[in-house]
Amino acid sequence: MYTIGIVFFVIIAVLQTLVILMQSSKGGGLAGSFGSVGMGAVFGSRGTATFLSKLTAILAAGFMVLALILGFIKSGTNGTRSLVEQERQSRTTSPAAVGVPVVPGSQEAPATTPPPPAQQQNTP
């Protein structure tokens, strides 16, 4: 699901870039290289600008909505927790909660030594 969302996100970004570049600007822009006369014949003289501006707005809205959706999907996974949350989680499940000291920076639980064997007294 997340991968499909990323694919759509990239497609919308590329389409939005192309639509923005195709809009005519004061200097002519990229629209002149595609033959703005031909586009004007299809959509009319004012229709091209209206169509491209509406398409830009639709793609921008889709881009923003998809970005929010993907952000919420990714924040629900355990892989994006902050370091503070990860450290807090590891301290609550580590042996330090039981009373065994943990050396800061070590990833391993401290080794506990077994109690010394009881000494037997040899009484004659």
PDB file of N, CA and C in Angstrom:
ATOM      1  N   MET A   1       0.814  -1.186   0.000  1.00  0.00           N
ATOM      2  CA  MET A   1       0.000   0.000   0.000  1.00  0.00           C
ATOM      3  C   MET A   1       0.865   1.261   0.000  1.00  0.00           C
ATOM      4  N   TYR A   2       1.884   1.254   0.842  1.00  0.00           N
ATOM      5  CA  TYR A   2       2.778   2.408   0.928  1.00  0.00           C
ATOM      6  C   TYR A   2       3.556   2.584  -0.373  1.00  0.00           C
ATOM      7  N   THR A   3       3.989   1.481  -0.972  1.00  0.00           N
ATOM      8  CA  THR A   3       4.745   1.545  -2.224  1.00  0.00           C
ATOM      9  C   THR A   3       3.883   2.097  -3.359  1.00  0.00           C
ATOM     10  N   ILE A   4       2.635   1.683  -3.410  1.00  0.00           N
ATOM     11  CA  ILE A   4       1.725   2.190  -4.440  1.00  0.00           C
ATOM     12  C   ILE A   4       1.513   3.690  -4.245  1.00  0.00           C
ATOM     13  N   GLY A   5       1.400   4.121  -3.008  1.00  0.00           N
ATOM     14  CA  GLY A   5       1.257   5.544  -2.714  1.00  0.00           C
ATOM     15  C   GLY A   5       2.460   6.348  -3.146  1.00  0.00           C
ATOM     16  N   ILE A   6       3.649   5.799  -2.922  1.00  0.00           N
ATOM     17  CA  ILE A   6       4.878   6.480  -3.342  1.00  0.00           C
ATOM     18  C   ILE A   6       4.927   6.596  -4.864  1.00  0.00           C
ATOM     19  N   VAL A   7       4.519   5.543  -5.577  1.00  0.00           N
ATOM     20  CA  VAL A   7       4.510   5.581  -7.042  1.00  0.00           C
ATOM     21  C   VAL A   7       3.575   6.679  -7.536  1.00  0.00           C
ATOM     22  N   PHE A   8       2.355   6.746  -6.985  1.00  0.00           N
ATOM     23  CA  PHE A   8       1.421   7.803  -7.369  1.00  0.00           C
ATOM     24  C   PHE A   8       1.962   9.177  -7.002  1.00  0.00           C
ATOM     25  N   PHE A   9       2.643   9.280  -5.884  1.00  0.00           N
ATOM     26  CA  PHE A   9       3.212  10.541  -5.441  1.00  0.00           C
ATOM     27  C   PHE A   9       4.248  11.053  -6.441  1.00  0.00           C
ATOM     28  N   VAL A  10       5.103  10.168  -6.913  1.00  0.00           N
ATOM     29  CA  VAL A  10       6.129  10.556  -7.887  1.00  0.00           C
ATOM     30  C   VAL A  10       5.484  10.917  -9.223  1.00  0.00           C
ATOM     31  N   ILE A  11       4.480  10.157  -9.649  1.00  0.00           N
ATOM     32  CA  ILE A  11       3.803  10.457 -10.910  1.00  0.00           C
ATOM     33  C   ILE A  11       3.135  11.824 -10.840  1.00  0.00           C
ATOM     34  N   ILE A  12       2.467  12.118  -9.736  1.00  0.00           N
ATOM     35  CA  ILE A  12       1.823  13.433  -9.588  1.00  0.00           C
ATOM     36  C   ILE A  12       2.866  14.541  -9.578  1.00  0.00           C
ATOM     37  N   ALA A  13       3.997  14.322  -8.937  1.00  0.00           N
ATOM     38  CA  ALA A  13       5.046  15.341  -8.892  1.00  0.00           C
ATOM     39  C   ALA A  13       5.592  15.629 -10.284  1.00  0.00           C
ATOM     40  N   VAL A  14       5.823  14.582 -11.076  1.00  0.00           N
ATOM     41  CA  VAL A  14       6.336  14.771 -12.433  1.00  0.00           C
ATOM     42  C   VAL A  14       5.297  15.473 -13.306  1.00  0.00           C
ATOM     43  N   LEU A  15       4.047  15.050 -13.216  1.00  0.00           N
ATOM     44  CA  LEU A  15       2.987  15.686 -14.003  1.00  0.00           C
ATOM     45  C   LEU A  15       2.816  17.150 -13.613  1.00  0.00           C
ATOM     46  N   GLN A  16       2.881  17.427 -12.342  1.00  0.00           N
ATOM     47  CA  GLN A  16       2.737  18.808 -11.887  1.00  0.00           C
ATOM     48  C   GLN A  16       3.888  19.667 -12.408  1.00  0.00           C
ATOM     49  N   THR A  17       5.081  19.133 -12.410  1.00  0.00           N
ATOM     50  CA  THR A  17       6.224  19.872 -12.940  1.00  0.00           C
ATOM     51  C   THR A  17       6.034  20.175 -14.415  1.00  0.00           C
ATOM     52  N   LEU A  18       5.593  19.192 -15.181  1.00  0.00           N
ATOM     53  CA  LEU A  18       5.378  19.405 -16.612  1.00  0.00           C
ATOM     54  C   LEU A  18       4.270  20.425 -16.876  1.00  0.00           C
ATOM     55  N   VAL A  19       3.194  20.346 -16.130  1.00  0.00           N
ATOM     56  CA  VAL A  19       2.080  21.285 -16.327  1.00  0.00           C
ATOM     57  C   VAL A  19       2.517  22.702 -15.984  1.00  0.00           C
ATOM     58  N   ILE A  20       3.266  22.867 -14.930  1.00  0.00           N
ATOM     59  CA  ILE A  20       3.740  24.202 -14.559  1.00  0.00           C
ATOM     60  C   ILE A  20       4.676  24.750 -15.629  1.00  0.00           C
ATOM     61  N   LEU A  21       5.547  23.899 -16.150  1.00  0.00           N
ATOM     62  CA  LEU A  21       6.463  24.362 -17.185  1.00  0.00           C
ATOM     63  C   LEU A  21       5.756  24.670 -18.507  1.00  0.00           C
ATOM     64  N   MET A  22       4.631  24.033 -18.765  1.00  0.00           N
ATOM     65  CA  MET A  22       3.908  24.274 -20.013  1.00  0.00           C
ATOM     66  C   MET A  22       3.118  25.575 -19.991  1.00  0.00           C
ATOM     67  N   GLN A  23       2.871  26.121 -18.815  1.00  0.00           N
ATOM     68  CA  GLN A  23       2.121  27.372 -18.759  1.00  0.00           C
ATOM     69  C   GLN A  23       2.966  28.498 -19.329  1.00  0.00           C
ATOM     70  N   SER A  24       2.308  29.364 -20.049  1.00  0.00           N
ATOM     71  CA  SER A  24       3.044  30.470 -20.667  1.00  0.00           C
ATOM     72  C   SER A  24       3.339  31.527 -19.615  1.00  0.00           C
ATOM     73  N   SER A  25       4.510  32.093 -19.720  1.00  0.00           N
ATOM     74  CA  SER A  25       4.903  33.163 -18.816  1.00  0.00           C
ATOM     75  C   SER A  25       5.171  34.398 -19.658  1.00  0.00           C
ATOM     76  N   LYS A  26       5.626  35.455 -19.046  1.00  0.00           N
ATOM     77  CA  LYS A  26       5.900  36.681 -19.796  1.00  0.00           C
ATOM     78  C   LYS A  26       7.026  36.488 -20.801  1.00  0.00           C
ATOM     79  N   GLY A  27       7.939  35.611 -20.504  1.00  0.00           N
ATOM     80  CA  GLY A  27       9.061  35.372 -21.398  1.00  0.00           C
ATOM     81  C   GLY A  27       8.783  34.280 -22.414  1.00  0.00           C
ATOM     82  N   GLY A  28       7.641  33.700 -22.420  1.00  0.00           N
ATOM     83  CA  GLY A  28       7.331  32.624 -23.364  1.00  0.00           C
ATOM     84  C   GLY A  28       7.384  31.268 -22.702  1.00  0.00           C
ATOM     85  N   GLY A  29       8.377  31.039 -21.864  1.00  0.00           N
ATOM     86  CA  GLY A  29       8.491  29.793 -21.117  1.00  0.00           C
ATOM     87  C   GLY A  29       8.645  28.571 -21.998  1.00  0.00           C
ATOM     88  N   LEU A  30       8.354  27.436 -21.459  1.00  0.00           N
ATOM     89  CA  LEU A  30       8.471  26.168 -22.165  1.00  0.00           C
ATOM     90  C   LEU A  30       7.261  25.934 -23.057  1.00  0.00           C
ATOM     91  N   ALA A  31       6.183  26.684 -22.851  1.00  0.00           N
ATOM     92  CA  ALA A  31       4.972  26.493 -23.643  1.00  0.00           C
ATOM     93  C   ALA A  31       5.223  26.780 -25.119  1.00  0.00           C
ATOM     94  N   GLY A  32       6.102  27.724 -25.411  1.00  0.00           N
ATOM     95  CA  GLY A  32       6.405  28.053 -26.802  1.00  0.00           C
ATOM     96  C   GLY A  32       7.108  26.921 -27.527  1.00  0.00           C
ATOM     97  N   SER A  33       7.886  26.125 -26.827  1.00  0.00           N
ATOM     98  CA  SER A  33       8.600  25.027 -27.478  1.00  0.00           C
ATOM     99  C   SER A  33       7.664  23.893 -27.854  1.00  0.00           C
ATOM    100  N   PHE A  34       6.526  23.768 -27.176  1.00  0.00           N
ATOM    101  CA  PHE A  34       5.548  22.748 -27.513  1.00  0.00           C
ATOM    102  C   PHE A  34       4.565  23.242 -28.565  1.00  0.00           C
ATOM    103  N   GLY A  35       4.735  24.476 -29.000  1.00  0.00           N
ATOM    104  CA  GLY A  35       3.832  25.019 -29.997  1.00  0.00           C
ATOM    105  C   GLY A  35       2.565  25.532 -29.355  1.00  0.00           C
ATOM    106  N   SER A  36       2.683  26.650 -28.669  1.00  0.00           N
ATOM    107  CA  SER A  36       1.523  27.190 -27.960  1.00  0.00           C
ATOM    108  C   SER A  36       0.397  27.540 -28.919  1.00  0.00           C
ATOM    109  N   VAL A  37       0.712  27.734 -30.207  1.00  0.00           N
ATOM    110  CA  VAL A  37      -0.335  28.008 -31.189  1.00  0.00           C
ATOM    111  C   VAL A  37      -1.201  26.767 -31.349  1.00  0.00           C
ATOM    112  N   GLY A  38      -0.576  25.595 -31.364  1.00  0.00           N
ATOM    113  CA  GLY A  38      -1.333  24.359 -31.490  1.00  0.00           C
ATOM    114  C   GLY A  38      -2.201  24.105 -30.274  1.00  0.00           C
ATOM    115  N   MET A  39      -1.699  24.430 -29.091  1.00  0.00           N
ATOM    116  CA  MET A  39      -2.488  24.248 -27.883  1.00  0.00           C
ATOM    117  C   MET A  39      -3.640  25.237 -27.857  1.00  0.00           C
ATOM    118  N   GLY A  40      -3.409  26.452 -28.373  1.00  0.00           N
ATOM    119  CA  GLY A  40      -4.475  27.436 -28.425  1.00  0.00           C
ATOM    120  C   GLY A  40      -5.572  27.026 -29.382  1.00  0.00           C
ATOM    121  N   ALA A  41      -5.209  26.294 -30.433  1.00  0.00           N
ATOM    122  CA  ALA A  41      -6.216  25.835 -31.385  1.00  0.00           C
ATOM    123  C   ALA A  41      -7.092  24.752 -30.773  1.00  0.00           C
ATOM    124  N   VAL A  42      -6.537  23.949 -29.864  1.00  0.00           N
ATOM    125  CA  VAL A  42      -7.307  22.878 -29.247  1.00  0.00           C
ATOM    126  C   VAL A  42      -8.236  23.429 -28.163  1.00  0.00           C
ATOM    127  N   PHE A  43      -7.700  24.295 -27.303  1.00  0.00           N
ATOM    128  CA  PHE A  43      -8.467  24.770 -26.162  1.00  0.00           C
ATOM    129  C   PHE A  43      -9.035  26.173 -26.347  1.00  0.00           C
ATOM    130  N   GLY A  44      -8.678  26.850 -27.392  1.00  0.00           N
ATOM    131  CA  GLY A  44      -9.075  28.242 -27.562  1.00  0.00           C
ATOM    132  C   GLY A  44      -8.001  29.142 -27.010  1.00  0.00           C
ATOM    133  N   SER A  45      -8.112  30.430 -27.264  1.00  0.00           N
ATOM    134  CA  SER A  45      -7.043  31.343 -26.847  1.00  0.00           C
ATOM    135  C   SER A  45      -6.944  31.451 -25.324  1.00  0.00           C
ATOM    136  N   ARG A  46      -8.038  31.538 -24.631  1.00  0.00           N
ATOM    137  CA  ARG A  46      -8.018  31.639 -23.175  1.00  0.00           C
ATOM    138  C   ARG A  46      -8.191  30.269 -22.513  1.00  0.00           C
ATOM    139  N   GLY A  47      -8.654  29.299 -23.259  1.00  0.00           N
ATOM    140  CA  GLY A  47      -8.922  27.979 -22.711  1.00  0.00           C
ATOM    141  C   GLY A  47      -7.678  27.253 -22.249  1.00  0.00           C
ATOM    142  N   THR A  48      -6.557  27.509 -22.927  1.00  0.00           N
ATOM    143  CA  THR A  48      -5.313  26.842 -22.545  1.00  0.00           C
ATOM    144  C   THR A  48      -4.890  27.258 -21.144  1.00  0.00           C
ATOM    145  N   ALA A  49      -4.898  28.544 -20.871  1.00  0.00           N
ATOM    146  CA  ALA A  49      -4.485  29.037 -19.560  1.00  0.00           C
ATOM    147  C   ALA A  49      -5.441  28.551 -18.481  1.00  0.00           C
ATOM    148  N   THR A  50      -6.717  28.558 -18.778  1.00  0.00           N
ATOM    149  CA  THR A  50      -7.694  28.103 -17.792  1.00  0.00           C
ATOM    150  C   THR A  50      -7.536  26.614 -17.504  1.00  0.00           C
ATOM    151  N   PHE A  51      -7.376  25.826 -18.574  1.00  0.00           N
ATOM    152  CA  PHE A  51      -7.211  24.380 -18.401  1.00  0.00           C
ATOM    153  C   PHE A  51      -5.953  24.063 -17.612  1.00  0.00           C
ATOM    154  N   LEU A  52      -4.827  24.676 -17.964  1.00  0.00           N
ATOM    155  CA  LEU A  52      -3.571  24.386 -17.286  1.00  0.00           C
ATOM    156  C   LEU A  52      -3.589  24.873 -15.834  1.00  0.00           C
ATOM    157  N   SER A  53      -4.221  25.995 -15.569  1.00  0.00           N
ATOM    158  CA  SER A  53      -4.274  26.469 -14.182  1.00  0.00           C
ATOM    159  C   SER A  53      -5.173  25.568 -13.338  1.00  0.00           C
ATOM    160  N   LYS A  54      -6.275  25.082 -13.905  1.00  0.00           N
ATOM    161  CA  LYS A  54      -7.125  24.146 -13.166  1.00  0.00           C
ATOM    162  C   LYS A  54      -6.401  22.821 -12.936  1.00  0.00           C
ATOM    163  N   LEU A  55      -5.693  22.347 -13.955  1.00  0.00           N
ATOM    164  CA  LEU A  55      -4.945  21.101 -13.816  1.00  0.00           C
ATOM    165  C   LEU A  55      -3.835  21.249 -12.775  1.00  0.00           C
ATOM    166  N   THR A  56      -3.198  22.425 -12.735  1.00  0.00           N
ATOM    167  CA  THR A  56      -2.162  22.675 -11.733  1.00  0.00           C
ATOM    168  C   THR A  56      -2.761  22.632 -10.330  1.00  0.00           C
ATOM    169  N   ALA A  57      -3.919  23.242 -10.147  1.00  0.00           N
ATOM    170  CA  ALA A  57      -4.564  23.259  -8.835  1.00  0.00           C
ATOM    171  C   ALA A  57      -4.974  21.850  -8.410  1.00  0.00           C
ATOM    172  N   ILE A  58      -5.496  21.060  -9.357  1.00  0.00           N
ATOM    173  CA  ILE A  58      -5.910  19.689  -9.031  1.00  0.00           C
ATOM    174  C   ILE A  58      -4.705  18.840  -8.653  1.00  0.00           C
ATOM    175  N   LEU A  59      -3.632  18.957  -9.437  1.00  0.00           N
ATOM    176  CA  LEU A  59      -2.423  18.174  -9.131  1.00  0.00           C
ATOM    177  C   LEU A  59      -1.791  18.618  -7.816  1.00  0.00           C
ATOM    178  N   ALA A  60      -1.811  19.925  -7.527  1.00  0.00           N
ATOM    179  CA  ALA A  60      -1.253  20.416  -6.260  1.00  0.00           C
ATOM    180  C   ALA A  60      -2.053  19.890  -5.070  1.00  0.00           C
ATOM    181  N   ALA A  61      -3.385  19.892  -5.207  1.00  0.00           N
ATOM    182  CA  ALA A  61      -4.214  19.369  -4.122  1.00  0.00           C
ATOM    183  C   ALA A  61      -3.967  17.876  -3.923  1.00  0.00           C
ATOM    184  N   GLY A  62      -3.868  17.129  -5.024  1.00  0.00           N
ATOM    185  CA  GLY A  62      -3.571  15.701  -4.923  1.00  0.00           C
ATOM    186  C   GLY A  62      -2.211  15.438  -4.303  1.00  0.00           C
ATOM    187  N   PHE A  63      -1.240  16.267  -4.648  1.00  0.00           N
ATOM    188  CA  PHE A  63       0.112  16.144  -4.106  1.00  0.00           C
ATOM    189  C   PHE A  63       0.096  16.335  -2.591  1.00  0.00           C
ATOM    190  N   MET A  64      -0.599  17.371  -2.140  1.00  0.00           N
ATOM    191  CA  MET A  64      -0.640  17.656  -0.699  1.00  0.00           C
ATOM    192  C   MET A  64      -1.402  16.577   0.068  1.00  0.00           C
ATOM    193  N   VAL A  65      -2.529  16.153  -0.469  1.00  0.00           N
ATOM    194  CA  VAL A  65      -3.324  15.121   0.220  1.00  0.00           C
ATOM    195  C   VAL A  65      -2.547  13.811   0.297  1.00  0.00           C
ATOM    196  N   LEU A  66      -1.913  13.441  -0.809  1.00  0.00           N
ATOM    197  CA  LEU A  66      -1.143  12.196  -0.822  1.00  0.00           C
ATOM    198  C   LEU A  66       0.062  12.281   0.111  1.00  0.00           C
ATOM    199  N   ALA A  67       0.683  13.456   0.204  1.00  0.00           N
ATOM    200  CA  ALA A  67       1.808  13.628   1.129  1.00  0.00           C
ATOM    201  C   ALA A  67       1.355  13.440   2.574  1.00  0.00           C
ATOM    202  N   LEU A  68       0.193  13.986   2.914  1.00  0.00           N
ATOM    203  CA  LEU A  68      -0.331  13.812   4.273  1.00  0.00           C
ATOM    204  C   LEU A  68      -0.685  12.357   4.557  1.00  0.00           C
ATOM    205  N   ILE A  69      -1.315  11.703   3.604  1.00  0.00           N
ATOM    206  CA  ILE A  69      -1.688  10.298   3.789  1.00  0.00           C
ATOM    207  C   ILE A  69      -0.453   9.430   3.968  1.00  0.00           C
ATOM    208  N   LEU A  70       0.555   9.635   3.124  1.00  0.00           N
ATOM    209  CA  LEU A  70       1.783   8.848   3.239  1.00  0.00           C
ATOM    210  C   LEU A  70       2.497   9.133   4.563  1.00  0.00           C
ATOM    211  N   GLY A  71       2.448  10.370   5.019  1.00  0.00           N
ATOM    212  CA  GLY A  71       3.050  10.709   6.306  1.00  0.00           C
ATOM    213  C   GLY A  71       2.360  10.006   7.459  1.00  0.00           C
ATOM    214  N   PHE A  72       1.031   9.955   7.423  1.00  0.00           N
ATOM    215  CA  PHE A  72       0.299   9.262   8.483  1.00  0.00           C
ATOM    216  C   PHE A  72       0.528   7.759   8.433  1.00  0.00           C
ATOM    217  N   ILE A  73       0.625   7.206   7.239  1.00  0.00           N
ATOM    218  CA  ILE A  73       0.888   5.771   7.119  1.00  0.00           C
ATOM    219  C   ILE A  73       2.264   5.447   7.694  1.00  0.00           C
ATOM    220  N   LYS A  74       3.254   6.253   7.345  1.00  0.00           N
ATOM    221  CA  LYS A  74       4.618   5.981   7.796  1.00  0.00           C
ATOM    222  C   LYS A  74       4.779   6.229   9.292  1.00  0.00           C
ATOM    223  N   SER A  75       4.059   7.193   9.846  1.00  0.00           N
ATOM    224  CA  SER A  75       4.205   7.462  11.282  1.00  0.00           C
ATOM    225  C   SER A  75       3.577   6.371  12.132  1.00  0.00           C
ATOM    226  N   GLY A  76       2.719   5.554  11.550  1.00  0.00           N
ATOM    227  CA  GLY A  76       2.106   4.466  12.299  1.00  0.00           C
ATOM    228  C   GLY A  76       3.010   3.270  12.466  1.00  0.00           C
ATOM    229  N   THR A  77       4.123   3.207  11.736  1.00  0.00           N
ATOM    230  CA  THR A  77       5.028   2.070  11.851  1.00  0.00           C
ATOM    231  C   THR A  77       6.004   2.297  12.997  1.00  0.00           C
ATOM    232  N   ASN A  78       6.610   1.225  13.472  1.00  0.00           N
ATOM    233  CA  ASN A  78       7.553   1.323  14.587  1.00  0.00           C
ATOM    234  C   ASN A  78       8.911   1.838  14.148  1.00  0.00           C
ATOM    235  N   GLY A  79       9.196   1.859  12.861  1.00  0.00           N
ATOM    236  CA  GLY A  79      10.509   2.251  12.385  1.00  0.00           C
ATOM    237  C   GLY A  79      10.779   3.738  12.456  1.00  0.00           C
ATOM    238  N   THR A  80       9.770   4.547  12.732  1.00  0.00           N
ATOM    239  CA  THR A  80       9.968   5.992  12.710  1.00  0.00           C
ATOM    240  C   THR A  80       9.870   6.621  14.084  1.00  0.00           C
ATOM    241  N   ARG A  81      10.056   5.842  15.131  1.00  0.00           N
ATOM    242  CA  ARG A  81      10.014   6.423  16.464  1.00  0.00           C
ATOM    243  C   ARG A  81      11.254   7.269  16.699  1.00  0.00           C
ATOM    244  N   SER A  82      11.124   8.246  17.554  1.00  0.00           N
ATOM    245  CA  SER A  82      12.267   9.088  17.866  1.00  0.00           C
ATOM    246  C   SER A  82      13.250   8.316  18.745  1.00  0.00           C
ATOM    247  N   LEU A  83      14.457   8.819  18.821  1.00  0.00           N
ATOM    248  CA  LEU A  83      15.480   8.150  19.628  1.00  0.00           C
ATOM    249  C   LEU A  83      15.113   8.163  21.106  1.00  0.00           C
ATOM    250  N   VAL A  84      14.447   9.219  21.545  1.00  0.00           N
ATOM    251  CA  VAL A  84      14.034   9.293  22.949  1.00  0.00           C
ATOM    252  C   VAL A  84      13.025   8.189  23.255  1.00  0.00           C
ATOM    253  N   GLU A  85      12.059   7.999  22.347  1.00  0.00           N
ATOM    254  CA  GLU A  85      11.067   6.947  22.558  1.00  0.00           C
ATOM    255  C   GLU A  85      11.711   5.567  22.520  1.00  0.00           C
ATOM    256  N   GLN A  86      12.678   5.358  21.633  1.00  0.00           N
ATOM    257  CA  GLN A  86      13.368   4.069  21.560  1.00  0.00           C
ATOM    258  C   GLN A  86      14.146   3.805  22.843  1.00  0.00           C
ATOM    259  N   GLU A  87      14.817   4.826  23.369  1.00  0.00           N
ATOM    260  CA  GLU A  87      15.593   4.648  24.602  1.00  0.00           C
ATOM    261  C   GLU A  87      14.668   4.381  25.781  1.00  0.00           C
ATOM    262  N   ARG A  88      13.563   5.091  25.840  1.00  0.00           N
ATOM    263  CA  ARG A  88      12.599   4.873  26.915  1.00  0.00           C
ATOM    264  C   ARG A  88      12.042   3.457  26.854  1.00  0.00           C
ATOM    265  N   GLN A  89      11.756   2.979  25.641  1.00  0.00           N
ATOM    266  CA  GLN A  89      11.236   1.624  25.476  1.00  0.00           C
ATOM    267  C   GLN A  89      12.280   0.588  25.885  1.00  0.00           C
ATOM    268  N   SER A  90      13.540   0.810  25.516  1.00  0.00           N
ATOM    269  CA  SER A  90      14.570  -0.167  25.861  1.00  0.00           C
ATOM    270  C   SER A  90      14.846  -0.181  27.358  1.00  0.00           C
ATOM    271  N   ARG A  91      14.710   0.953  28.024  1.00  0.00           N
ATOM    272  CA  ARG A  91      14.949   0.986  29.472  1.00  0.00           C
ATOM    273  C   ARG A  91      13.830   0.304  30.247  1.00  0.00           C
ATOM    274  N   THR A  92      12.620   0.349  29.739  1.00  0.00           N
ATOM    275  CA  THR A  92      11.531  -0.302  30.458  1.00  0.00           C
ATOM    276  C   THR A  92      11.551  -1.809  30.272  1.00  0.00           C
ATOM    277  N   THR A  93      12.205  -2.303  29.231  1.00  0.00           N
ATOM    278  CA  THR A  93      12.263  -3.745  29.009  1.00  0.00           C
ATOM    279  C   THR A  93      13.635  -4.331  29.328  1.00  0.00           C
ATOM    280  N   SER A  94      14.575  -3.499  29.768  1.00  0.00           N
ATOM    281  CA  SER A  94      15.924  -3.985  30.028  1.00  0.00           C
ATOM    282  C   SER A  94      16.060  -4.447  31.482  1.00  0.00           C
ATOM    283  N   PRO A  95      17.159  -5.104  31.810  1.00  0.00           N
ATOM    284  CA  PRO A  95      17.383  -5.563  33.177  1.00  0.00           C
ATOM    285  C   PRO A  95      17.537  -4.426  34.175  1.00  0.00           C
ATOM    286  N   ALA A  96      17.719  -3.197  33.710  1.00  0.00           N
ATOM    287  CA  ALA A  96      17.861  -2.074  34.637  1.00  0.00           C
ATOM    288  C   ALA A  96      16.589  -1.875  35.431  1.00  0.00           C
ATOM    289  N   ALA A  97      15.478  -2.264  34.876  1.00  0.00           N
ATOM    290  CA  ALA A  97      14.211  -2.129  35.595  1.00  0.00           C
ATOM    291  C   ALA A  97      14.150  -3.100  36.773  1.00  0.00           C
ATOM    292  N   VAL A  98      14.934  -4.180  36.697  1.00  0.00           N
ATOM    293  CA  VAL A  98      14.934  -5.185  37.745  1.00  0.00           C
ATOM    294  C   VAL A  98      15.940  -4.827  38.834  1.00  0.00           C
ATOM    295  N   GLY A  99      16.873  -3.932  38.554  1.00  0.00           N
ATOM    296  CA  GLY A  99      17.846  -3.534  39.553  1.00  0.00           C
ATOM    297  C   GLY A  99      19.275  -3.833  39.159  1.00  0.00           C
ATOM    298  N   VAL A 100      19.505  -4.445  38.022  1.00  0.00           N
ATOM    299  CA  VAL A 100      20.847  -4.728  37.555  1.00  0.00           C
ATOM    300  C   VAL A 100      21.339  -3.499  36.810  1.00  0.00           C
ATOM    301  N   PRO A 101      22.503  -2.950  37.194  1.00  0.00           N
ATOM    302  CA  PRO A 101      22.977  -1.727  36.530  1.00  0.00           C
ATOM    303  C   PRO A 101      23.351  -1.995  35.068  1.00  0.00           C
ATOM    304  N   VAL A 102      23.041  -1.015  34.228  1.00  0.00           N
ATOM    305  CA  VAL A 102      23.371  -1.095  32.806  1.00  0.00           C
ATOM    306  C   VAL A 102      24.379  -0.007  32.506  1.00  0.00           C
ATOM    307  N   VAL A 103      25.462  -0.373  31.831  1.00  0.00           N
ATOM    308  CA  VAL A 103      26.481   0.591  31.461  1.00  0.00           C
ATOM    309  C   VAL A 103      25.950   1.412  30.290  1.00  0.00           C
ATOM    310  N   PRO A 104      25.971   2.754  30.363  1.00  0.00           N
ATOM    311  CA  PRO A 104      25.472   3.563  29.249  1.00  0.00           C
ATOM    312  C   PRO A 104      26.271   3.301  27.978  1.00  0.00           C
ATOM    313  N   GLY A 105      25.596   3.196  26.874  1.00  0.00           N
ATOM    314  CA  GLY A 105      26.238   2.961  25.596  1.00  0.00           C
ATOM    315  C   GLY A 105      26.390   1.500  25.238  1.00  0.00           C
ATOM    316  N   SER A 106      26.183   0.600  26.170  1.00  0.00           N
ATOM    317  CA  SER A 106      26.296  -0.818  25.847  1.00  0.00           C
ATOM    318  C   SER A 106      24.938  -1.336  25.405  1.00  0.00           C
ATOM    319  N   GLN A 107      24.936  -2.228  24.469  1.00  0.00           N
ATOM    320  CA  GLN A 107      23.702  -2.795  23.945  1.00  0.00           C
ATOM    321  C   GLN A 107      23.363  -4.130  24.600  1.00  0.00           C
ATOM    322  N   GLU A 108      24.306  -4.679  25.328  1.00  0.00           N
ATOM    323  CA  GLU A 108      24.106  -5.994  25.918  1.00  0.00           C
ATOM    324  C   GLU A 108      23.662  -5.860  27.372  1.00  0.00           C
ATOM    325  N   ALA A 109      22.941  -6.840  27.817  1.00  0.00           N
ATOM    326  CA  ALA A 109      22.569  -6.892  29.226  1.00  0.00           C
ATOM    327  C   ALA A 109      23.800  -7.317  30.018  1.00  0.00           C
ATOM    328  N   PRO A 110      23.997  -6.771  31.189  1.00  0.00           N
ATOM    329  CA  PRO A 110      25.172  -7.146  31.978  1.00  0.00           C
ATOM    330  C   PRO A 110      25.088  -8.612  32.402  1.00  0.00           C
ATOM    331  N   ALA A 111      26.241  -9.247  32.426  1.00  0.00           N
ATOM    332  CA  ALA A 111      26.294 -10.652  32.824  1.00  0.00           C
ATOM    333  C   ALA A 111      26.211 -10.736  34.342  1.00  0.00           C
ATOM    334  N   THR A 112      25.383 -11.606  34.793  1.00  0.00           N
ATOM    335  CA  THR A 112      25.260 -11.787  36.244  1.00  0.00           C
ATOM    336  C   THR A 112      26.098 -12.995  36.631  1.00  0.00           C
ATOM    337  N   THR A 113      26.787 -12.881  37.742  1.00  0.00           N
ATOM    338  CA  THR A 113      27.624 -13.991  38.206  1.00  0.00           C
ATOM    339  C   THR A 113      26.791 -14.836  39.154  1.00  0.00           C
ATOM    340  N   PRO A 114      26.954 -16.133  39.042  1.00  0.00           N
ATOM    341  CA  PRO A 114      26.195 -17.000  39.938  1.00  0.00           C
ATOM    342  C   PRO A 114      26.719 -16.853  41.361  1.00  0.00           C
ATOM    343  N   PRO A 115      25.882 -17.085  42.336  1.00  0.00           N
ATOM    344  CA  PRO A 115      26.342 -16.978  43.730  1.00  0.00           C
ATOM    345  C   PRO A 115      27.398 -18.051  44.011  1.00  0.00           C
ATOM    346  N   PRO A 116      28.324 -17.782  44.918  1.00  0.00           N
ATOM    347  CA  PRO A 116      29.366 -18.775  45.223  1.00  0.00           C
ATOM    348  C   PRO A 116      28.729 -20.013  45.857  1.00  0.00           C
ATOM    349  N   PRO A 117      29.312 -21.150  45.574  1.00  0.00           N
ATOM    350  CA  PRO A 117      28.740 -22.372  46.157  1.00  0.00           C
ATOM    351  C   PRO A 117      28.884 -22.356  47.681  1.00  0.00           C
ATOM    352  N   ALA A 118      27.959 -22.958  48.304  1.00  0.00           N
ATOM    353  CA  ALA A 118      28.004 -23.022  49.775  1.00  0.00           C
ATOM    354  C   ALA A 118      29.166 -23.917  50.205  1.00  0.00           C
ATOM    355  N   GLN A 119      29.910 -23.421  51.163  1.00  0.00           N
ATOM    356  CA  GLN A 119      31.060 -24.189  51.627  1.00  0.00           C
ATOM    357  C   GLN A 119      30.602 -25.192  52.677  1.00  0.00           C
ATOM    358  N   GLN A 120      31.127 -26.379  52.512  1.00  0.00           N
ATOM    359  CA  GLN A 120      30.769 -27.437  53.448  1.00  0.00           C
ATOM    360  C   GLN A 120      31.862 -27.507  54.516  1.00  0.00           C
ATOM    361  N   GLN A 121      31.435 -27.616  55.710  1.00  0.00           N
ATOM    362  CA  GLN A 121      32.418 -27.742  56.799  1.00  0.00           C
ATOM    363  C   GLN A 121      32.591 -29.240  57.096  1.00  0.00           C
ATOM    364  N   ASN A 122      33.844 -29.601  57.100  1.00  0.00           N
ATOM    365  CA  ASN A 122      34.137 -30.976  57.441  1.00  0.00           C
ATOM    366  C   ASN A 122      34.369 -31.072  58.949  1.00  0.00           C
ATOM    367  N   THR A 123      33.445 -31.590  59.603  1.00  0.00           N
ATOM    368  CA  THR A 123      33.578 -31.765  61.055  1.00  0.00           C
ATOM    369  C   THR A 123      33.850 -33.243  61.356  1.00  0.00           C
ATOM    370  N   PRO A 124      34.927 -33.550  62.092  1.00  0.00           N
ATOM    371  CA  PRO A 124      35.191 -34.963  62.417  1.00  0.00           C
ATOM    372  C   PRO A 124      34.405 -35.478  63.569  1.00  0.00           C
TER     373      PRO A 124
END
